[in-house]
Amino acid sequence: MIELDLAAQHPLLPLLAQILLVYLASLGSVVAARVAWQGRPAYWLAVLGVFLFLLGALWGRGTLAGGTTFTAVAAGLALAIVGVALDLLFGPPFSTK
């Protein structure tokens, strides 16, 4: 049986995937900060969550311990999800004008 390893076949693929992930997280953080600045404070949790996610994803592999990296990434994802969920639950109602 032949094992296929995509990273071995294309060594730039994991790097491109991480660049795309960081770009999407940064874009989401900018959108969340803009929405939070317009008066929806629950989105500040999402901004903090993306910061923790980026801290763990970018600087975690080389400088932080493995457990700290996982904790930063997991806490960042959890904060981002909780921030959006709080706004959906307790935010202003949708207007149907």
PDB file of N, CA and C in Angstrom:
ATOM      1  N   MET A   1       0.835  -1.167   0.000  1.00  0.00           N
ATOM      2  CA  MET A   1       0.000   0.000   0.000  1.00  0.00           C
ATOM      3  C   MET A   1       0.891   1.244   0.000  1.00  0.00           C
ATOM      4  N   ILE A   2       0.544   2.190  -0.830  1.00  0.00           N
ATOM      5  CA  ILE A   2       1.314   3.426  -0.941  1.00  0.00           C
ATOM      6  C   ILE A   2       0.629   4.508  -0.115  1.00  0.00           C
ATOM      7  N   GLU A   3       1.380   5.107   0.785  1.00  0.00           N
ATOM      8  CA  GLU A   3       0.825   6.210   1.567  1.00  0.00           C
ATOM      9  C   GLU A   3       1.018   7.502   0.798  1.00  0.00           C
ATOM     10  N   LEU A   4      -0.034   8.267   0.710  1.00  0.00           N
ATOM     11  CA  LEU A   4       0.038   9.550   0.033  1.00  0.00           C
ATOM     12  C   LEU A   4       0.159  10.655   1.079  1.00  0.00           C
ATOM     13  N   ASP A   5       1.151  11.448   0.929  1.00  0.00           N
ATOM     14  CA  ASP A   5       1.364  12.569   1.843  1.00  0.00           C
ATOM     15  C   ASP A   5       1.382  13.838   1.010  1.00  0.00           C
ATOM     16  N   LEU A   6       0.322  14.614   1.126  1.00  0.00           N
ATOM     17  CA  LEU A   6       0.195  15.802   0.299  1.00  0.00           C
ATOM     18  C   LEU A   6       1.269  16.834   0.637  1.00  0.00           C
ATOM     19  N   ALA A   7       1.648  16.939   1.908  1.00  0.00           N
ATOM     20  CA  ALA A   7       2.680  17.896   2.291  1.00  0.00           C
ATOM     21  C   ALA A   7       4.036  17.520   1.698  1.00  0.00           C
ATOM     22  N   ALA A   8       4.280  16.224   1.562  1.00  0.00           N
ATOM     23  CA  ALA A   8       5.554  15.809   0.969  1.00  0.00           C
ATOM     24  C   ALA A   8       5.550  16.032  -0.538  1.00  0.00           C
ATOM     25  N   GLN A   9       4.399  15.873  -1.163  1.00  0.00           N
ATOM     26  CA  GLN A   9       4.312  16.081  -2.603  1.00  0.00           C
ATOM     27  C   GLN A   9       4.394  17.563  -2.968  1.00  0.00           C
ATOM     28  N   HIS A  10       3.751  18.393  -2.169  1.00  0.00           N
ATOM     29  CA  HIS A  10       3.719  19.837  -2.412  1.00  0.00           C
ATOM     30  C   HIS A  10       4.130  20.561  -1.133  1.00  0.00           C
ATOM     31  N   PRO A  11       5.396  20.843  -0.939  1.00  0.00           N
ATOM     32  CA  PRO A  11       5.851  21.407   0.331  1.00  0.00           C
ATOM     33  C   PRO A  11       5.336  22.817   0.608  1.00  0.00           C
ATOM     34  N   LEU A  12       4.884  23.530  -0.399  1.00  0.00           N
ATOM     35  CA  LEU A  12       4.376  24.879  -0.163  1.00  0.00           C
ATOM     36  C   LEU A  12       2.904  24.894   0.230  1.00  0.00           C
ATOM     37  N   LEU A  13       2.207  23.767   0.105  1.00  0.00           N
ATOM     38  CA  LEU A  13       0.784  23.730   0.396  1.00  0.00           C
ATOM     39  C   LEU A  13       0.453  24.067   1.852  1.00  0.00           C
ATOM     40  N   PRO A  14       1.143  23.517   2.867  1.00  0.00           N
ATOM     41  CA  PRO A  14       0.839  23.919   4.245  1.00  0.00           C
ATOM     42  C   PRO A  14       1.117  25.402   4.502  1.00  0.00           C
ATOM     43  N   LEU A  15       2.137  25.933   3.879  1.00  0.00           N
ATOM     44  CA  LEU A  15       2.445  27.349   4.033  1.00  0.00           C
ATOM     45  C   LEU A  15       1.351  28.216   3.424  1.00  0.00           C
ATOM     46  N   LEU A  16       0.885  27.863   2.249  1.00  0.00           N
ATOM     47  CA  LEU A  16      -0.191  28.614   1.611  1.00  0.00           C
ATOM     48  C   LEU A  16      -1.494  28.497   2.393  1.00  0.00           C
ATOM     49  N   ALA A  17      -1.743  27.328   2.974  1.00  0.00           N
ATOM     50  CA  ALA A  17      -2.944  27.152   3.788  1.00  0.00           C
ATOM     51  C   ALA A  17      -2.891  28.028   5.036  1.00  0.00           C
ATOM     52  N   GLN A  18      -1.724  28.128   5.662  1.00  0.00           N
ATOM     53  CA  GLN A  18      -1.606  28.976   6.848  1.00  0.00           C
ATOM     54  C   GLN A  18      -1.731  30.457   6.470  1.00  0.00           C
ATOM     55  N   ILE A  19      -1.191  30.848   5.347  1.00  0.00           N
ATOM     56  CA  ILE A  19      -1.326  32.240   4.902  1.00  0.00           C
ATOM     57  C   ILE A  19      -2.799  32.564   4.659  1.00  0.00           C
ATOM     58  N   LEU A  20      -3.533  31.656   4.020  1.00  0.00           N
ATOM     59  CA  LEU A  20      -4.952  31.870   3.774  1.00  0.00           C
ATOM     60  C   LEU A  20      -5.746  31.929   5.078  1.00  0.00           C
ATOM     61  N   LEU A  21      -5.417  31.066   6.024  1.00  0.00           N
ATOM     62  CA  LEU A  21      -6.097  31.055   7.317  1.00  0.00           C
ATOM     63  C   LEU A  21      -5.847  32.347   8.087  1.00  0.00           C
ATOM     64  N   VAL A  22      -4.629  32.830   8.082  1.00  0.00           N
ATOM     65  CA  VAL A  22      -4.300  34.082   8.768  1.00  0.00           C
ATOM     66  C   VAL A  22      -4.994  35.256   8.085  1.00  0.00           C
ATOM     67  N   TYR A  23      -5.051  35.238   6.760  1.00  0.00           N
ATOM     68  CA  TYR A  23      -5.738  36.312   6.036  1.00  0.00           C
ATOM     69  C   TYR A  23      -7.221  36.350   6.383  1.00  0.00           C
ATOM     70  N   LEU A  24      -7.872  35.179   6.383  1.00  0.00           N
ATOM     71  CA  LEU A  24      -9.294  35.136   6.701  1.00  0.00           C
ATOM     72  C   LEU A  24      -9.566  35.530   8.151  1.00  0.00           C
ATOM     73  N   ALA A  25      -8.696  35.117   9.080  1.00  0.00           N
ATOM     74  CA  ALA A  25      -8.872  35.508  10.478  1.00  0.00           C
ATOM     75  C   ALA A  25      -8.678  37.010  10.655  1.00  0.00           C
ATOM     76  N   SER A  26      -7.702  37.568   9.981  1.00  0.00           N
ATOM     77  CA  SER A  26      -7.483  39.016  10.073  1.00  0.00           C
ATOM     78  C   SER A  26      -8.647  39.794   9.474  1.00  0.00           C
ATOM     79  N   LEU A  27      -9.158  39.325   8.356  1.00  0.00           N
ATOM     80  CA  LEU A  27     -10.314  39.964   7.739  1.00  0.00           C
ATOM     81  C   LEU A  27     -11.538  39.885   8.656  1.00  0.00           C
ATOM     82  N   GLY A  28     -11.746  38.748   9.273  1.00  0.00           N
ATOM     83  CA  GLY A  28     -12.842  38.601  10.229  1.00  0.00           C
ATOM     84  C   GLY A  28     -12.684  39.502  11.431  1.00  0.00           C
ATOM     85  N   SER A  29     -11.468  39.692  11.883  1.00  0.00           N
ATOM     86  CA  SER A  29     -11.213  40.573  13.017  1.00  0.00           C
ATOM     87  C   SER A  29     -11.512  42.022  12.667  1.00  0.00           C
ATOM     88  N   VAL A  30     -11.151  42.430  11.460  1.00  0.00           N
ATOM     89  CA  VAL A  30     -11.435  43.805  11.036  1.00  0.00           C
ATOM     90  C   VAL A  30     -12.945  44.034  10.944  1.00  0.00           C
ATOM     91  N   VAL A  31     -13.655  43.056  10.397  1.00  0.00           N
ATOM     92  CA  VAL A  31     -15.113  43.175  10.306  1.00  0.00           C
ATOM     93  C   VAL A  31     -15.736  43.201  11.698  1.00  0.00           C
ATOM     94  N   ALA A  32     -15.269  42.344  12.596  1.00  0.00           N
ATOM     95  CA  ALA A  32     -15.800  42.318  13.962  1.00  0.00           C
ATOM     96  C   ALA A  32     -15.504  43.619  14.696  1.00  0.00           C
ATOM     97  N   ALA A  33     -14.317  44.177  14.511  1.00  0.00           N
ATOM     98  CA  ALA A  33     -13.984  45.446  15.169  1.00  0.00           C
ATOM     99  C   ALA A  33     -14.856  46.578  14.625  1.00  0.00           C
ATOM    100  N   ARG A  34     -15.125  46.545  13.346  1.00  0.00           N
ATOM    101  CA  ARG A  34     -15.984  47.593  12.763  1.00  0.00           C
ATOM    102  C   ARG A  34     -17.405  47.497  13.296  1.00  0.00           C
ATOM    103  N   VAL A  35     -17.925  46.270  13.403  1.00  0.00           N
ATOM    104  CA  VAL A  35     -19.271  46.086  13.943  1.00  0.00           C
ATOM    105  C   VAL A  35     -19.305  46.469  15.424  1.00  0.00           C
ATOM    106  N   ALA A  36     -18.260  46.113  16.170  1.00  0.00           N
ATOM    107  CA  ALA A  36     -18.203  46.465  17.593  1.00  0.00           C
ATOM    108  C   ALA A  36     -18.114  47.974  17.774  1.00  0.00           C
ATOM    109  N   TRP A  37     -17.397  48.632  16.910  1.00  0.00           N
ATOM    110  CA  TRP A  37     -17.251  50.085  17.007  1.00  0.00           C
ATOM    111  C   TRP A  37     -18.572  50.790  16.732  1.00  0.00           C
ATOM    112  N   GLN A  38     -19.448  50.148  15.961  1.00  0.00           N
ATOM    113  CA  GLN A  38     -20.745  50.739  15.637  1.00  0.00           C
ATOM    114  C   GLN A  38     -21.791  50.508  16.723  1.00  0.00           C
ATOM    115  N   GLY A  39     -21.406  49.949  17.864  1.00  0.00           N
ATOM    116  CA  GLY A  39     -22.323  49.851  18.984  1.00  0.00           C
ATOM    117  C   GLY A  39     -22.781  48.462  19.361  1.00  0.00           C
ATOM    118  N   ARG A  40     -22.091  47.437  18.927  1.00  0.00           N
ATOM    119  CA  ARG A  40     -22.444  46.068  19.315  1.00  0.00           C
ATOM    120  C   ARG A  40     -21.263  45.477  20.074  1.00  0.00           C
ATOM    121  N   PRO A  41     -21.207  45.704  21.394  1.00  0.00           N
ATOM    122  CA  PRO A  41     -19.997  45.400  22.176  1.00  0.00           C
ATOM    123  C   PRO A  41     -19.651  43.918  22.288  1.00  0.00           C
ATOM    124  N   ALA A  42     -20.563  43.017  21.994  1.00  0.00           N
ATOM    125  CA  ALA A  42     -20.239  41.584  22.082  1.00  0.00           C
ATOM    126  C   ALA A  42     -19.170  41.184  21.074  1.00  0.00           C
ATOM    127  N   TYR A  43     -19.050  41.949  20.014  1.00  0.00           N
ATOM    128  CA  TYR A  43     -18.056  41.618  18.990  1.00  0.00           C
ATOM    129  C   TYR A  43     -16.630  41.919  19.438  1.00  0.00           C
ATOM    130  N   TRP A  44     -16.455  42.661  20.533  1.00  0.00           N
ATOM    131  CA  TRP A  44     -15.088  42.849  21.051  1.00  0.00           C
ATOM    132  C   TRP A  44     -14.513  41.515  21.520  1.00  0.00           C
ATOM    133  N   LEU A  45     -15.388  40.607  21.979  1.00  0.00           N
ATOM    134  CA  LEU A  45     -14.918  39.259  22.329  1.00  0.00           C
ATOM    135  C   LEU A  45     -14.389  38.533  21.092  1.00  0.00           C
ATOM    136  N   ALA A  46     -15.049  38.741  19.972  1.00  0.00           N
ATOM    137  CA  ALA A  46     -14.572  38.112  18.732  1.00  0.00           C
ATOM    138  C   ALA A  46     -13.221  38.678  18.327  1.00  0.00           C
ATOM    139  N   VAL A  47     -13.036  39.988  18.507  1.00  0.00           N
ATOM    140  CA  VAL A  47     -11.741  40.605  18.176  1.00  0.00           C
ATOM    141  C   VAL A  47     -10.651  40.039  19.080  1.00  0.00           C
ATOM    142  N   LEU A  48     -10.937  39.920  20.371  1.00  0.00           N
ATOM    143  CA  LEU A  48      -9.965  39.339  21.303  1.00  0.00           C
ATOM    144  C   LEU A  48      -9.696  37.877  20.961  1.00  0.00           C
ATOM    145  N   GLY A  49     -10.737  37.162  20.560  1.00  0.00           N
ATOM    146  CA  GLY A  49     -10.570  35.764  20.183  1.00  0.00           C
ATOM    147  C   GLY A  49      -9.690  35.588  18.959  1.00  0.00           C
ATOM    148  N   VAL A  50      -9.872  36.443  17.967  1.00  0.00           N
ATOM    149  CA  VAL A  50      -9.028  36.353  16.764  1.00  0.00           C
ATOM    150  C   VAL A  50      -7.590  36.713  17.105  1.00  0.00           C
ATOM    151  N   PHE A  51      -7.404  37.674  18.012  1.00  0.00           N
ATOM    152  CA  PHE A  51      -6.038  38.008  18.439  1.00  0.00           C
ATOM    153  C   PHE A  51      -5.369  36.804  19.096  1.00  0.00           C
ATOM    154  N   LEU A  52      -6.083  36.126  19.990  1.00  0.00           N
ATOM    155  CA  LEU A  52      -5.502  34.938  20.627  1.00  0.00           C
ATOM    156  C   LEU A  52      -5.246  33.829  19.604  1.00  0.00           C
ATOM    157  N   PHE A  53      -6.169  33.666  18.669  1.00  0.00           N
ATOM    158  CA  PHE A  53      -5.990  32.658  17.630  1.00  0.00           C
ATOM    159  C   PHE A  53      -4.741  32.940  16.801  1.00  0.00           C
ATOM    160  N   LEU A  54      -4.588  34.201  16.379  1.00  0.00           N
ATOM    161  CA  LEU A  54      -3.418  34.557  15.585  1.00  0.00           C
ATOM    162  C   LEU A  54      -2.129  34.444  16.400  1.00  0.00           C
ATOM    163  N   LEU A  55      -2.193  34.791  17.681  1.00  0.00           N
ATOM    164  CA  LEU A  55      -1.023  34.643  18.548  1.00  0.00           C
ATOM    165  C   LEU A  55      -0.584  33.188  18.615  1.00  0.00           C
ATOM    166  N   GLY A  56      -1.538  32.295  18.787  1.00  0.00           N
ATOM    167  CA  GLY A  56      -1.199  30.878  18.856  1.00  0.00           C
ATOM    168  C   GLY A  56      -0.793  30.300  17.512  1.00  0.00           C
ATOM    169  N   ALA A  57      -1.454  30.742  16.442  1.00  0.00           N
ATOM    170  CA  ALA A  57      -1.180  30.162  15.125  1.00  0.00           C
ATOM    171  C   ALA A  57       0.136  30.662  14.539  1.00  0.00           C
ATOM    172  N   LEU A  58       0.448  31.931  14.729  1.00  0.00           N
ATOM    173  CA  LEU A  58       1.649  32.487  14.103  1.00  0.00           C
ATOM    174  C   LEU A  58       2.902  32.320  14.953  1.00  0.00           C
ATOM    175  N   TRP A  59       2.834  32.745  16.203  1.00  0.00           N
ATOM    176  CA  TRP A  59       4.040  32.730  17.035  1.00  0.00           C
ATOM    177  C   TRP A  59       4.115  31.515  17.928  1.00  0.00           C
ATOM    178  N   GLY A  60       3.072  30.709  17.943  1.00  0.00           N
ATOM    179  CA  GLY A  60       3.037  29.585  18.861  1.00  0.00           C
ATOM    180  C   GLY A  60       3.994  28.468  18.522  1.00  0.00           C
ATOM    181  N   ARG A  61       4.136  28.167  17.258  1.00  0.00           N
ATOM    182  CA  ARG A  61       4.955  27.008  16.890  1.00  0.00           C
ATOM    183  C   ARG A  61       6.427  27.185  17.246  1.00  0.00           C
ATOM    184  N   GLY A  62       6.950  28.385  17.087  1.00  0.00           N
ATOM    185  CA  GLY A  62       8.377  28.567  17.296  1.00  0.00           C
ATOM    186  C   GLY A  62       8.769  29.001  18.699  1.00  0.00           C
ATOM    187  N   THR A  63       7.869  29.703  19.395  1.00  0.00           N
ATOM    188  CA  THR A  63       8.283  30.291  20.659  1.00  0.00           C
ATOM    189  C   THR A  63       7.536  29.765  21.878  1.00  0.00           C
ATOM    190  N   LEU A  64       6.293  29.352  21.720  1.00  0.00           N
ATOM    191  CA  LEU A  64       5.509  28.892  22.864  1.00  0.00           C
ATOM    192  C   LEU A  64       5.547  27.378  22.964  1.00  0.00           C
ATOM    193  N   ALA A  65       5.238  26.864  24.144  1.00  0.00           N
ATOM    194  CA  ALA A  65       5.154  25.416  24.318  1.00  0.00           C
ATOM    195  C   ALA A  65       3.918  24.890  23.593  1.00  0.00           C
ATOM    196  N   GLY A  66       3.869  23.587  23.350  1.00  0.00           N
ATOM    197  CA  GLY A  66       2.763  22.999  22.599  1.00  0.00           C
ATOM    198  C   GLY A  66       1.411  23.190  23.271  1.00  0.00           C
ATOM    199  N   GLY A  67       1.376  23.033  24.591  1.00  0.00           N
ATOM    200  CA  GLY A  67       0.121  23.220  25.312  1.00  0.00           C
ATOM    201  C   GLY A  67      -0.352  24.660  25.285  1.00  0.00           C
ATOM    202  N   THR A  68       0.579  25.588  25.346  1.00  0.00           N
ATOM    203  CA  THR A  68       0.220  27.006  25.308  1.00  0.00           C
ATOM    204  C   THR A  68      -0.310  27.382  23.927  1.00  0.00           C
ATOM    205  N   THR A  69       0.281  26.847  22.897  1.00  0.00           N
ATOM    206  CA  THR A  69      -0.192  27.113  21.539  1.00  0.00           C
ATOM    207  C   THR A  69      -1.615  26.604  21.351  1.00  0.00           C
ATOM    208  N   PHE A  70      -1.863  25.377  21.774  1.00  0.00           N
ATOM    209  CA  PHE A  70      -3.201  24.803  21.649  1.00  0.00           C
ATOM    210  C   PHE A  70      -4.214  25.594  22.463  1.00  0.00           C
ATOM    211  N   THR A  71      -3.821  26.021  23.663  1.00  0.00           N
ATOM    212  CA  THR A  71      -4.724  26.794  24.511  1.00  0.00           C
ATOM    213  C   THR A  71      -5.060  28.132  23.881  1.00  0.00           C
ATOM    214  N   ALA A  72      -4.080  28.806  23.304  1.00  0.00           N
ATOM    215  CA  ALA A  72      -4.331  30.104  22.675  1.00  0.00           C
ATOM    216  C   ALA A  72      -5.242  29.955  21.465  1.00  0.00           C
ATOM    217  N   VAL A  73      -5.013  28.953  20.647  1.00  0.00           N
ATOM    218  CA  VAL A  73      -5.850  28.746  19.462  1.00  0.00           C
ATOM    219  C   VAL A  73      -7.265  28.357  19.872  1.00  0.00           C
ATOM    220  N   ALA A  74      -7.398  27.442  20.826  1.00  0.00           N
ATOM    221  CA  ALA A  74      -8.723  26.996  21.257  1.00  0.00           C
ATOM    222  C   ALA A  74      -9.485  28.110  21.964  1.00  0.00           C
ATOM    223  N   ALA A  75      -8.804  28.862  22.828  1.00  0.00           N
ATOM    224  CA  ALA A  75      -9.472  29.970  23.516  1.00  0.00           C
ATOM    225  C   ALA A  75      -9.872  31.061  22.530  1.00  0.00           C
ATOM    226  N   GLY A  76      -9.051  31.303  21.533  1.00  0.00           N
ATOM    227  CA  GLY A  76      -9.394  32.286  20.510  1.00  0.00           C
ATOM    228  C   GLY A  76     -10.629  31.892  19.728  1.00  0.00           C
ATOM    229  N   LEU A  77     -10.704  30.640  19.323  1.00  0.00           N
ATOM    230  CA  LEU A  77     -11.892  30.170  18.611  1.00  0.00           C
ATOM    231  C   LEU A  77     -13.129  30.242  19.497  1.00  0.00           C
ATOM    232  N   ALA A  78     -12.991  29.841  20.763  1.00  0.00           N
ATOM    233  CA  ALA A  78     -14.131  29.874  21.678  1.00  0.00           C
ATOM    234  C   ALA A  78     -14.609  31.303  21.921  1.00  0.00           C
ATOM    235  N   LEU A  79     -13.696  32.237  22.117  1.00  0.00           N
ATOM    236  CA  LEU A  79     -14.094  33.626  22.336  1.00  0.00           C
ATOM    237  C   LEU A  79     -14.779  34.218  21.110  1.00  0.00           C
ATOM    238  N   ALA A  80     -14.278  33.909  19.941  1.00  0.00           N
ATOM    239  CA  ALA A  80     -14.906  34.425  18.725  1.00  0.00           C
ATOM    240  C   ALA A  80     -16.321  33.882  18.569  1.00  0.00           C
ATOM    241  N   ILE A  81     -16.513  32.599  18.830  1.00  0.00           N
ATOM    242  CA  ILE A  81     -17.839  32.004  18.714  1.00  0.00           C
ATOM    243  C   ILE A  81     -18.780  32.552  19.778  1.00  0.00           C
ATOM    244  N   VAL A  82     -18.307  32.696  21.007  1.00  0.00           N
ATOM    245  CA  VAL A  82     -19.145  33.219  22.085  1.00  0.00           C
ATOM    246  C   VAL A  82     -19.515  34.678  21.828  1.00  0.00           C
ATOM    247  N   GLY A  83     -18.583  35.458  21.292  1.00  0.00           N
ATOM    248  CA  GLY A  83     -18.887  36.856  20.991  1.00  0.00           C
ATOM    249  C   GLY A  83     -19.999  36.999  19.976  1.00  0.00           C
ATOM    250  N   VAL A  84     -19.934  36.217  18.916  1.00  0.00           N
ATOM    251  CA  VAL A  84     -20.981  36.275  17.895  1.00  0.00           C
ATOM    252  C   VAL A  84     -22.295  35.719  18.449  1.00  0.00           C
ATOM    253  N   ALA A  85     -22.221  34.645  19.232  1.00  0.00           N
ATOM    254  CA  ALA A  85     -23.442  34.059  19.796  1.00  0.00           C
ATOM    255  C   ALA A  85     -24.118  35.023  20.774  1.00  0.00           C
ATOM    256  N   LEU A  86     -23.336  35.725  21.589  1.00  0.00           N
ATOM    257  CA  LEU A  86     -23.930  36.698  22.512  1.00  0.00           C
ATOM    258  C   LEU A  86     -24.629  37.810  21.757  1.00  0.00           C
ATOM    259  N   ASP A  87     -24.051  38.254  20.673  1.00  0.00           N
ATOM    260  CA  ASP A  87     -24.704  39.296  19.898  1.00  0.00           C
ATOM    261  C   ASP A  87     -25.987  38.782  19.248  1.00  0.00           C
ATOM    262  N   LEU A  88     -25.961  37.550  18.781  1.00  0.00           N
ATOM    263  CA  LEU A  88     -27.172  36.997  18.180  1.00  0.00           C
ATOM    264  C   LEU A  88     -28.275  36.801  19.212  1.00  0.00           C
ATOM    265  N   LEU A  89     -27.904  36.428  20.439  1.00  0.00           N
ATOM    266  CA  LEU A  89     -28.910  36.195  21.476  1.00  0.00           C
ATOM    267  C   LEU A  89     -29.418  37.496  22.099  1.00  0.00           C
ATOM    268  N   PHE A  90     -28.525  38.394  22.437  1.00  0.00           N
ATOM    269  CA  PHE A  90     -28.902  39.581  23.211  1.00  0.00           C
ATOM    270  C   PHE A  90     -28.741  40.899  22.461  1.00  0.00           C
ATOM    271  N   GLY A  91     -28.372  40.836  21.214  1.00  0.00           N
ATOM    272  CA  GLY A  91     -28.171  42.048  20.430  1.00  0.00           C
ATOM    273  C   GLY A  91     -29.494  42.692  20.031  1.00  0.00           C
ATOM    274  N   PRO A  92     -29.397  43.784  19.317  1.00  0.00           N
ATOM    275  CA  PRO A  92     -30.630  44.442  18.894  1.00  0.00           C
ATOM    276  C   PRO A  92     -31.401  43.568  17.909  1.00  0.00           C
ATOM    277  N   PRO A  93     -32.728  43.653  17.962  1.00  0.00           N
ATOM    278  CA  PRO A  93     -33.526  42.812  17.045  1.00  0.00           C
ATOM    279  C   PRO A  93     -33.403  43.308  15.606  1.00  0.00           C
ATOM    280  N   PHE A  94     -33.684  42.418  14.691  1.00  0.00           N
ATOM    281  CA  PHE A  94     -33.635  42.771  13.273  1.00  0.00           C
ATOM    282  C   PHE A  94     -34.812  43.692  12.955  1.00  0.00           C
ATOM    283  N   SER A  95     -34.577  44.655  12.138  1.00  0.00           N
ATOM    284  CA  SER A  95     -35.665  45.548  11.728  1.00  0.00           C
ATOM    285  C   SER A  95     -36.202  45.074  10.389  1.00  0.00           C
ATOM    286  N   THR A  96     -37.513  45.071  10.262  1.00  0.00           N
ATOM    287  CA  THR A  96     -38.140  44.632   9.013  1.00  0.00           C
ATOM    288  C   THR A  96     -38.880  45.811   8.404  1.00  0.00           C
ATOM    289  N   LYS A  97     -38.134  46.778   7.944  1.00  0.00           N
ATOM    290  CA  LYS A  97     -38.742  47.974   7.352  1.00  0.00           C
ATOM    291  C   LYS A  97     -38.960  47.804   5.884  1.00  0.00           C
TER     292      LYS A  97
END
